[in-house]
N, C-alpha and C. Protein backbone atom coordinates (compact mmCIF):
# COMPACT_ATOMS: atom_id res chain seq x y z
N MET A 1 20.07 252.81 -6.11
CA MET A 1 20.32 252.43 -4.74
C MET A 1 19.97 253.62 -3.86
N LEU A 2 19.19 253.39 -2.86
CA LEU A 2 18.67 254.44 -1.98
C LEU A 2 19.78 255.27 -1.36
N ALA A 3 20.84 254.63 -0.89
CA ALA A 3 21.93 255.35 -0.24
C ALA A 3 22.62 256.33 -1.20
N LEU A 4 22.81 255.92 -2.43
CA LEU A 4 23.44 256.82 -3.40
C LEU A 4 22.57 258.04 -3.67
N GLY A 5 21.29 257.83 -3.78
CA GLY A 5 20.37 258.95 -3.98
C GLY A 5 20.35 259.90 -2.79
N ALA A 6 20.35 259.34 -1.59
CA ALA A 6 20.35 260.17 -0.39
C ALA A 6 21.65 260.97 -0.28
N ALA A 7 22.77 260.34 -0.59
CA ALA A 7 24.05 261.04 -0.54
C ALA A 7 24.08 262.18 -1.57
N GLU A 8 23.56 261.90 -2.74
CA GLU A 8 23.52 262.94 -3.78
C GLU A 8 22.63 264.10 -3.35
N ASP A 9 21.46 263.79 -2.79
CA ASP A 9 20.55 264.84 -2.32
C ASP A 9 21.18 265.69 -1.23
N ALA A 10 21.94 265.04 -0.35
CA ALA A 10 22.60 265.75 0.76
C ALA A 10 23.92 266.39 0.34
N LYS A 11 24.32 266.14 -0.91
CA LYS A 11 25.57 266.67 -1.44
C LYS A 11 26.78 266.25 -0.61
N VAL A 12 26.78 264.97 -0.25
CA VAL A 12 27.92 264.39 0.47
C VAL A 12 28.46 263.21 -0.34
N PRO A 13 29.76 262.98 -0.27
CA PRO A 13 30.34 261.87 -1.03
C PRO A 13 30.00 260.53 -0.39
N LEU A 14 29.87 259.54 -1.21
CA LEU A 14 29.71 258.16 -0.76
C LEU A 14 30.65 257.32 -1.61
N PRO A 15 31.95 257.34 -1.27
CA PRO A 15 32.95 256.72 -2.14
C PRO A 15 32.78 255.22 -2.34
N THR A 16 32.16 254.54 -1.42
CA THR A 16 31.97 253.09 -1.58
C THR A 16 30.68 252.76 -2.32
N GLY A 17 29.88 253.75 -2.62
CA GLY A 17 28.60 253.52 -3.27
C GLY A 17 28.67 252.76 -4.57
N PRO A 18 29.50 253.17 -5.53
CA PRO A 18 29.56 252.45 -6.79
C PRO A 18 30.02 250.99 -6.63
N VAL A 19 30.93 250.76 -5.70
CA VAL A 19 31.40 249.38 -5.46
C VAL A 19 30.26 248.54 -4.89
N LEU A 20 29.55 249.08 -3.92
CA LEU A 20 28.42 248.34 -3.34
C LEU A 20 27.34 248.08 -4.38
N ARG A 21 27.07 249.06 -5.23
CA ARG A 21 26.06 248.86 -6.28
C ARG A 21 26.46 247.68 -7.17
N GLU A 22 27.73 247.63 -7.55
CA GLU A 22 28.19 246.54 -8.42
C GLU A 22 28.05 245.18 -7.73
N VAL A 23 28.38 245.11 -6.43
CA VAL A 23 28.26 243.84 -5.70
C VAL A 23 26.79 243.43 -5.60
N PHE A 24 25.91 244.39 -5.29
CA PHE A 24 24.49 244.07 -5.21
C PHE A 24 23.95 243.60 -6.56
N GLU A 25 24.36 244.28 -7.64
CA GLU A 25 23.90 243.87 -8.96
C GLU A 25 24.40 242.48 -9.32
N ALA A 26 25.65 242.17 -8.96
CA ALA A 26 26.18 240.83 -9.21
C ALA A 26 25.42 239.79 -8.39
N ALA A 27 25.10 240.12 -7.15
CA ALA A 27 24.37 239.18 -6.30
C ALA A 27 22.98 238.91 -6.88
N VAL A 28 22.30 239.94 -7.35
CA VAL A 28 20.98 239.75 -7.95
C VAL A 28 21.10 238.89 -9.21
N GLU A 29 22.12 239.15 -10.01
CA GLU A 29 22.32 238.39 -11.25
C GLU A 29 22.64 236.92 -10.96
N GLN A 30 23.49 236.67 -9.98
CA GLN A 30 23.96 235.32 -9.70
C GLN A 30 23.01 234.52 -8.82
N VAL A 31 22.30 235.20 -7.92
CA VAL A 31 21.47 234.51 -6.93
C VAL A 31 19.99 234.76 -7.16
N GLY A 32 19.66 235.95 -7.56
CA GLY A 32 18.26 236.31 -7.75
C GLY A 32 17.88 237.49 -6.88
N ALA A 33 16.74 238.06 -7.17
CA ALA A 33 16.32 239.27 -6.47
C ALA A 33 15.96 239.02 -5.01
N ASP A 34 15.64 237.78 -4.67
CA ASP A 34 15.27 237.44 -3.29
C ASP A 34 16.53 237.06 -2.53
N LEU A 35 17.33 238.07 -2.17
CA LEU A 35 18.61 237.79 -1.53
C LEU A 35 18.72 238.51 -0.20
N ASP A 36 19.74 238.14 0.55
CA ASP A 36 20.04 238.81 1.80
C ASP A 36 21.53 239.09 1.85
N TRP A 37 22.02 239.55 2.99
CA TRP A 37 23.43 239.91 3.12
C TRP A 37 24.36 238.71 2.92
N ALA A 38 23.87 237.51 3.17
CA ALA A 38 24.71 236.33 2.95
C ALA A 38 25.08 236.20 1.47
N CYS A 39 24.18 236.57 0.58
CA CYS A 39 24.47 236.50 -0.85
C CYS A 39 25.51 237.54 -1.24
N VAL A 40 25.44 238.71 -0.64
CA VAL A 40 26.44 239.74 -0.89
C VAL A 40 27.81 239.25 -0.41
N ALA A 41 27.84 238.64 0.75
CA ALA A 41 29.09 238.08 1.27
C ALA A 41 29.62 236.98 0.36
N GLU A 42 28.73 236.17 -0.19
CA GLU A 42 29.14 235.09 -1.09
C GLU A 42 29.76 235.64 -2.37
N VAL A 43 29.18 236.68 -2.94
CA VAL A 43 29.75 237.30 -4.13
C VAL A 43 31.15 237.85 -3.80
N THR A 44 31.29 238.48 -2.67
CA THR A 44 32.58 239.02 -2.24
C THR A 44 33.59 237.90 -2.03
N ARG A 45 33.17 236.79 -1.43
CA ARG A 45 34.06 235.65 -1.20
C ARG A 45 34.53 235.08 -2.53
N ARG A 46 33.61 234.93 -3.47
CA ARG A 46 33.95 234.37 -4.78
C ARG A 46 34.97 235.25 -5.50
N ARG A 47 34.77 236.55 -5.43
CA ARG A 47 35.70 237.46 -6.08
C ARG A 47 37.08 237.40 -5.43
N ALA A 48 37.11 237.33 -4.12
CA ALA A 48 38.39 237.27 -3.41
C ALA A 48 39.13 235.98 -3.73
N ALA A 49 38.38 234.90 -3.93
CA ALA A 49 38.99 233.60 -4.23
C ALA A 49 39.31 233.44 -5.71
N GLY A 50 38.87 234.40 -6.52
CA GLY A 50 39.08 234.28 -7.97
C GLY A 50 38.25 233.17 -8.56
N ASP A 51 37.12 232.88 -7.95
CA ASP A 51 36.23 231.78 -8.36
C ASP A 51 35.69 232.04 -9.75
N GLN A 52 36.00 231.14 -10.67
CA GLN A 52 35.52 231.26 -12.04
C GLN A 52 34.10 230.73 -12.20
N ASP A 53 33.60 230.00 -11.21
CA ASP A 53 32.27 229.40 -11.28
C ASP A 53 31.28 230.26 -10.51
N SER A 54 31.30 231.58 -10.75
CA SER A 54 30.51 232.50 -9.95
C SER A 54 29.04 232.54 -10.34
N GLY A 55 28.63 231.80 -11.35
CA GLY A 55 27.24 231.81 -11.76
C GLY A 55 26.35 230.88 -10.97
N LYS A 56 26.94 229.99 -10.17
CA LYS A 56 26.14 229.06 -9.39
C LYS A 56 25.66 229.70 -8.11
N ASN A 57 24.50 229.24 -7.65
CA ASN A 57 23.97 229.72 -6.38
C ASN A 57 24.83 229.25 -5.23
N PRO A 58 24.98 230.09 -4.18
CA PRO A 58 25.76 229.67 -3.03
C PRO A 58 25.06 228.58 -2.26
N GLY A 59 25.82 227.83 -1.52
CA GLY A 59 25.21 226.84 -0.65
C GLY A 59 25.52 225.50 -1.09
């Protein structure tokens, strides 16, 4: 993830970086590589709802 690399190069912490990476990876896995912020929000919504059917595409 570009932001994590930039933070590392600048020697500054990015505490939310690992969490965001995991959400993006889940979105790519569940929705596909052609995604936008709506897919990231959908993954977050599913997790908050405890949705067990998280493998289906949103919509």
